[in-house]
Amino acid sequence: MNPGLRGLAEGRETLAALLVAIGAPRLRQLGIEVPNHSFSSPEHRLYEKLADEDRESAHSKYNSLIRRLVSFERSY
């Protein structure tokens, strides 16, 4: 199982789980089984976690992760 899907199923707030939570509506439309989650504002939490690691690069890392998610969604 994908680390993001596993983290989401286990309720762990990991970078991967937050990214999957952000993409959950579109991923479900594509036929991917995505566990329900209780994360409030996964977009904000993802950015905050990235900023906790390195505030100066958080914005570019966030954008990069979102681009990868969108790219995956479009290719699926």
Protein backbone atom coordinates (compact mmCIF):
# COMPACT_ATOMS: atom_id res chain seq x y z
CA MET A 1 0.00 0.00 0.00
CA ASN A 2 1.15 3.53 -0.78
CA PRO A 3 2.66 5.33 2.26
CA GLY A 4 0.16 8.18 1.91
CA LEU A 5 -2.83 5.84 1.76
CA ARG A 6 -1.46 3.81 4.68
CA GLY A 7 -0.82 6.93 6.77
CA LEU A 8 -4.28 8.24 6.00
CA ALA A 9 -5.89 4.89 6.94
CA GLU A 10 -3.94 4.91 10.21
CA GLY A 11 -4.80 8.55 10.94
CA ARG A 12 -1.16 9.61 10.92
CA GLU A 13 -0.48 13.18 9.84
CA THR A 14 2.51 12.52 7.60
CA LEU A 15 3.51 14.56 4.57
CA ALA A 16 2.38 11.72 2.31
CA ALA A 17 -0.95 11.28 4.12
CA LEU A 18 -1.68 15.00 3.95
CA LEU A 19 -0.89 15.05 0.24
CA VAL A 20 -3.27 12.14 -0.37
CA ALA A 21 -5.92 13.90 1.75
CA ILE A 22 -5.57 16.98 -0.47
CA GLY A 23 -6.03 14.89 -3.58
CA ALA A 24 -8.70 12.58 -2.13
CA PRO A 25 -11.72 13.95 -4.03
CA ARG A 26 -10.04 13.69 -7.43
CA LEU A 27 -8.37 10.37 -6.61
CA ARG A 28 -11.77 8.91 -5.68
CA GLN A 29 -13.20 10.16 -8.99
CA LEU A 30 -10.41 8.25 -10.70
CA GLY A 31 -11.49 5.06 -8.94
CA ILE A 32 -8.79 4.93 -6.29
CA GLU A 33 -10.01 3.83 -2.88
CA VAL A 34 -8.95 6.59 -0.49
CA PRO A 35 -9.69 6.20 3.23
CA ASN A 36 -11.76 8.90 4.87
CA HIS A 37 -9.79 11.31 7.00
CA SER A 38 -10.44 13.79 9.77
CA PHE A 39 -7.64 16.20 8.92
CA SER A 40 -8.74 19.80 9.15
CA SER A 41 -7.28 21.89 6.32
CA PRO A 42 -4.77 19.36 4.98
CA GLU A 43 -3.35 22.04 2.66
CA HIS A 44 -2.45 24.26 5.60
CA ARG A 45 -1.14 21.37 7.69
CA LEU A 46 1.10 20.20 4.83
CA TYR A 47 2.58 23.67 4.49
CA GLU A 48 3.05 23.99 8.26
CA LYS A 49 4.85 20.64 8.45
CA LEU A 50 7.15 21.64 5.59
CA ALA A 51 7.81 24.99 7.29
CA ASP A 52 8.64 23.20 10.54
CA GLU A 53 11.34 21.28 8.65
CA ASP A 54 12.73 24.30 6.77
CA ARG A 55 10.83 27.59 6.64
CA GLU A 56 12.86 29.00 3.75
CA SER A 57 12.12 26.15 1.36
CA ALA A 58 8.56 25.35 2.51
CA HIS A 59 6.85 27.26 -0.30
CA SER A 60 8.82 25.66 -3.11
CA LYS A 61 8.53 22.17 -1.57
CA TYR A 62 4.78 22.62 -1.13
CA ASN A 63 4.36 23.71 -4.75
CA SER A 64 6.51 20.82 -5.94
CA LEU A 65 4.42 18.27 -4.04
CA ILE A 66 1.17 19.74 -5.36
CA ARG A 67 2.53 19.66 -8.93
CA ARG A 68 3.45 15.97 -8.50
CA LEU A 69 -0.04 15.22 -7.19
CA VAL A 70 -1.69 17.01 -10.12
CA SER A 71 0.64 15.28 -12.56
CA PHE A 72 -0.27 11.89 -11.09
CA GLU A 73 -3.98 12.70 -11.25
CA ARG A 74 -3.72 13.74 -14.89
CA SER A 75 -1.74 10.67 -15.89
CA TYR A 76 -3.98 8.14 -14.17
